[in-house]
Amino acid sequence: MNHRISMSRPATSDGVPGFDAHSRHNGPAKAPGVVKARNAPAAAEALRTRAYEIYLERCEKGAPGDELSDWAQAERELSSR
């Protein structure tokens, strides 16, 4: 019996169905946020630290506010750097 396998994607230059020779050897393309993800722990720590500093400054002055507004202010400050 002769069975034919039908592929929805044509074979590429290296003969492998649905794969590009370049991507097979070099791995998948990296997502745009990959580099940022490596710095995420340091950025998160900086954000927590700054929010805490803002909280201490606010409490020292007796100013009204809450942790959410402290966090939002820290995000604004750090994103503008």
N, C-alpha and C. Protein backbone atom coordinates (compact mmCIF):
# COMPACT_ATOMS: atom_id res chain seq x y z
N MET A 1 0.82 -1.18 0.00
CA MET A 1 0.00 0.00 0.00
C MET A 1 0.87 1.25 0.00
N ASN A 2 0.43 2.20 -0.75
CA ASN A 2 1.16 3.44 -0.84
C ASN A 2 0.32 4.55 -0.22
N HIS A 3 0.76 5.07 0.93
CA HIS A 3 0.03 6.14 1.61
C HIS A 3 0.79 7.44 1.44
N ARG A 4 0.06 8.48 1.16
CA ARG A 4 0.68 9.80 1.05
C ARG A 4 0.29 10.61 2.27
N ILE A 5 1.24 11.27 2.85
CA ILE A 5 0.98 12.15 3.99
C ILE A 5 0.84 13.55 3.45
N SER A 6 -0.28 14.16 3.75
CA SER A 6 -0.46 15.52 3.27
C SER A 6 -0.06 16.49 4.37
N MET A 7 0.74 17.45 4.02
CA MET A 7 1.21 18.46 4.95
C MET A 7 0.56 19.79 4.60
N SER A 8 0.11 20.50 5.62
CA SER A 8 -0.50 21.79 5.35
C SER A 8 0.55 22.85 5.04
N ARG A 9 1.78 22.64 5.50
CA ARG A 9 2.86 23.58 5.22
C ARG A 9 3.85 22.91 4.28
N PRO A 10 4.27 23.58 3.24
CA PRO A 10 5.20 22.98 2.28
C PRO A 10 6.59 22.81 2.89
N ALA A 11 7.34 21.92 2.32
CA ALA A 11 8.72 21.71 2.77
C ALA A 11 9.54 22.95 2.42
N THR A 12 10.48 23.27 3.28
CA THR A 12 11.33 24.44 3.05
C THR A 12 12.60 24.00 2.34
N SER A 13 13.52 24.92 2.20
CA SER A 13 14.75 24.67 1.44
C SER A 13 15.55 23.48 1.98
N ASP A 14 15.44 23.20 3.28
CA ASP A 14 16.19 22.07 3.82
C ASP A 14 15.38 20.78 3.81
N GLY A 15 14.17 20.82 3.24
CA GLY A 15 13.35 19.63 3.08
C GLY A 15 12.51 19.26 4.29
N VAL A 16 12.60 20.00 5.37
CA VAL A 16 11.81 19.70 6.56
C VAL A 16 10.50 20.48 6.47
N PRO A 17 9.37 19.79 6.53
CA PRO A 17 8.08 20.47 6.40
C PRO A 17 7.84 21.48 7.52
N GLY A 18 7.49 22.69 7.13
CA GLY A 18 7.06 23.71 8.08
C GLY A 18 8.15 24.34 8.93
N PHE A 19 9.41 24.07 8.66
CA PHE A 19 10.47 24.67 9.45
C PHE A 19 11.42 25.42 8.54
N ASP A 20 11.95 26.47 9.05
CA ASP A 20 12.95 27.23 8.32
C ASP A 20 14.31 26.80 8.82
N ALA A 21 15.22 26.53 7.95
CA ALA A 21 16.54 26.03 8.34
C ALA A 21 17.23 26.99 9.30
N HIS A 22 17.09 28.29 9.06
CA HIS A 22 17.75 29.28 9.91
C HIS A 22 17.20 29.22 11.33
N SER A 23 15.90 29.19 11.48
CA SER A 23 15.32 29.21 12.82
C SER A 23 15.56 27.91 13.56
N ARG A 24 15.68 26.80 12.82
CA ARG A 24 15.94 25.53 13.49
C ARG A 24 17.31 25.52 14.14
N HIS A 25 18.29 26.14 13.51
CA HIS A 25 19.65 26.09 14.02
C HIS A 25 19.93 27.18 15.03
N ASN A 26 19.24 28.26 14.97
CA ASN A 26 19.50 29.37 15.88
C ASN A 26 18.44 29.54 16.95
N GLY A 27 17.49 28.65 17.02
CA GLY A 27 16.45 28.73 18.03
C GLY A 27 15.39 29.75 17.66
N PRO A 28 14.36 29.83 18.46
CA PRO A 28 13.26 30.76 18.17
C PRO A 28 13.69 32.21 18.37
N ALA A 29 12.98 33.09 17.70
CA ALA A 29 13.25 34.51 17.87
C ALA A 29 12.90 34.92 19.29
N LYS A 30 13.64 35.87 19.83
CA LYS A 30 13.38 36.32 21.19
C LYS A 30 12.27 37.35 21.20
N ALA A 31 11.45 37.28 22.23
CA ALA A 31 10.38 38.24 22.40
C ALA A 31 10.98 39.60 22.73
N PRO A 32 10.30 40.69 22.37
CA PRO A 32 10.84 42.03 22.61
C PRO A 32 11.15 42.33 24.07
N GLY A 33 10.43 41.74 25.01
CA GLY A 33 10.63 42.05 26.43
C GLY A 33 11.65 41.19 27.14
N VAL A 34 12.37 40.35 26.43
CA VAL A 34 13.30 39.42 27.08
C VAL A 34 14.39 40.16 27.83
N VAL A 35 14.97 41.17 27.25
CA VAL A 35 16.05 41.90 27.91
C VAL A 35 15.52 42.60 29.15
N LYS A 36 14.35 43.17 29.07
CA LYS A 36 13.76 43.82 30.23
C LYS A 36 13.49 42.83 31.35
N ALA A 37 13.09 41.62 31.00
CA ALA A 37 12.77 40.62 32.01
C ALA A 37 13.98 40.30 32.88
N ARG A 38 15.17 40.32 32.30
CA ARG A 38 16.37 40.05 33.09
C ARG A 38 16.59 41.12 34.15
N ASN A 39 16.18 42.34 33.87
CA ASN A 39 16.34 43.44 34.82
C ASN A 39 15.13 43.62 35.72
N ALA A 40 14.12 42.80 35.55
CA ALA A 40 12.88 42.94 36.30
C ALA A 40 13.08 42.85 37.81
N PRO A 41 13.86 41.90 38.35
CA PRO A 41 14.02 41.86 39.80
C PRO A 41 14.65 43.13 40.36
N ALA A 42 15.64 43.68 39.68
CA ALA A 42 16.28 44.91 40.16
C ALA A 42 15.31 46.08 40.07
N ALA A 43 14.54 46.14 38.99
CA ALA A 43 13.56 47.22 38.83
C ALA A 43 12.46 47.11 39.88
N ALA A 44 12.01 45.91 40.16
CA ALA A 44 10.96 45.70 41.17
C ALA A 44 11.47 46.10 42.54
N GLU A 45 12.72 45.75 42.84
CA GLU A 45 13.31 46.12 44.14
C GLU A 45 13.45 47.63 44.26
N ALA A 46 13.86 48.30 43.19
CA ALA A 46 13.98 49.76 43.20
C ALA A 46 12.61 50.40 43.42
N LEU A 47 11.60 49.84 42.80
CA LEU A 47 10.24 50.37 42.96
C LEU A 47 9.75 50.20 44.40
N ARG A 48 9.96 49.02 44.97
CA ARG A 48 9.56 48.78 46.37
C ARG A 48 10.29 49.73 47.31
N THR A 49 11.59 49.88 47.09
CA THR A 49 12.39 50.75 47.96
C THR A 49 11.92 52.19 47.88
N ARG A 50 11.70 52.68 46.66
CA ARG A 50 11.26 54.08 46.50
C ARG A 50 9.88 54.29 47.10
N ALA A 51 8.97 53.35 46.92
CA ALA A 51 7.63 53.47 47.49
C ALA A 51 7.70 53.53 49.01
N TYR A 52 8.59 52.74 49.59
CA TYR A 52 8.76 52.75 51.04
C TYR A 52 9.34 54.08 51.51
N GLU A 53 10.30 54.62 50.77
CA GLU A 53 10.87 55.93 51.11
C GLU A 53 9.80 57.01 51.08
N ILE A 54 8.95 56.95 50.06
CA ILE A 54 7.86 57.94 49.94
C ILE A 54 6.91 57.80 51.13
N TYR A 55 6.63 56.57 51.51
CA TYR A 55 5.77 56.31 52.67
C TYR A 55 6.38 56.93 53.94
N LEU A 56 7.68 56.70 54.16
CA LEU A 56 8.33 57.24 55.35
C LEU A 56 8.29 58.77 55.34
N GLU A 57 8.57 59.38 54.18
CA GLU A 57 8.53 60.84 54.07
C GLU A 57 7.12 61.37 54.36
N ARG A 58 6.12 60.67 53.83
CA ARG A 58 4.73 61.10 54.02
C ARG A 58 4.33 61.00 55.49
N CYS A 59 4.72 59.91 56.14
CA CYS A 59 4.38 59.72 57.56
C CYS A 59 5.10 60.74 58.44
N GLU A 60 6.35 61.04 58.11
CA GLU A 60 7.13 62.01 58.87
C GLU A 60 6.48 63.39 58.83
N LYS A 61 5.92 63.74 57.69
CA LYS A 61 5.26 65.04 57.53
C LYS A 61 3.83 65.02 58.03
N GLY A 62 3.29 63.84 58.27
CA GLY A 62 1.90 63.74 58.70
C GLY A 62 0.93 64.00 57.56
N ALA A 63 1.41 63.83 56.34
CA ALA A 63 0.58 64.09 55.15
C ALA A 63 -0.38 62.93 54.91
N PRO A 64 -1.56 63.24 54.36
CA PRO A 64 -2.51 62.16 54.05
C PRO A 64 -2.03 61.35 52.84
N GLY A 65 -2.53 60.16 52.72
CA GLY A 65 -2.19 59.31 51.59
C GLY A 65 -2.31 57.85 51.96
N ASP A 66 -1.96 57.01 51.03
CA ASP A 66 -2.01 55.57 51.27
C ASP A 66 -0.92 54.89 50.46
N GLU A 67 -0.76 53.58 50.67
CA GLU A 67 0.31 52.86 49.99
C GLU A 67 0.14 52.83 48.48
N LEU A 68 -1.09 52.85 48.00
CA LEU A 68 -1.31 52.85 46.56
C LEU A 68 -0.82 54.14 45.91
N SER A 69 -1.07 55.26 46.55
CA SER A 69 -0.58 56.52 46.00
C SER A 69 0.94 56.61 46.12
N ASP A 70 1.52 56.04 47.18
CA ASP A 70 2.98 56.00 47.31
C ASP A 70 3.58 55.18 46.17
N TRP A 71 2.96 54.05 45.89
CA TRP A 71 3.45 53.15 44.83
C TRP A 71 3.36 53.84 43.46
N ALA A 72 2.22 54.50 43.21
CA ALA A 72 2.02 55.19 41.93
C ALA A 72 3.04 56.31 41.76
N GLN A 73 3.32 57.04 42.84
CA GLN A 73 4.32 58.11 42.76
C GLN A 73 5.70 57.53 42.47
N ALA A 74 6.03 56.42 43.12
CA ALA A 74 7.33 55.77 42.88
C ALA A 74 7.44 55.31 41.41
N GLU A 75 6.38 54.76 40.88
CA GLU A 75 6.39 54.34 39.47
C GLU A 75 6.62 55.53 38.54
N ARG A 76 5.93 56.63 38.81
CA ARG A 76 6.09 57.83 37.98
C ARG A 76 7.53 58.34 38.04
N GLU A 77 8.08 58.40 39.23
CA GLU A 77 9.44 58.90 39.40
C GLU A 77 10.46 58.01 38.68
N LEU A 78 10.32 56.71 38.85
CA LEU A 78 11.29 55.79 38.27
C LEU A 78 11.15 55.66 36.75
N SER A 79 9.95 55.83 36.25
CA SER A 79 9.76 55.74 34.80
C SER A 79 10.26 56.99 34.08
N SER A 80 10.36 58.10 34.80
CA SER A 80 10.82 59.34 34.17
C SER A 80 12.35 59.42 34.13
N ARG A 81 13.03 58.49 34.75
CA ARG A 81 14.51 58.49 34.76
C ARG A 81 15.08 58.06 33.44
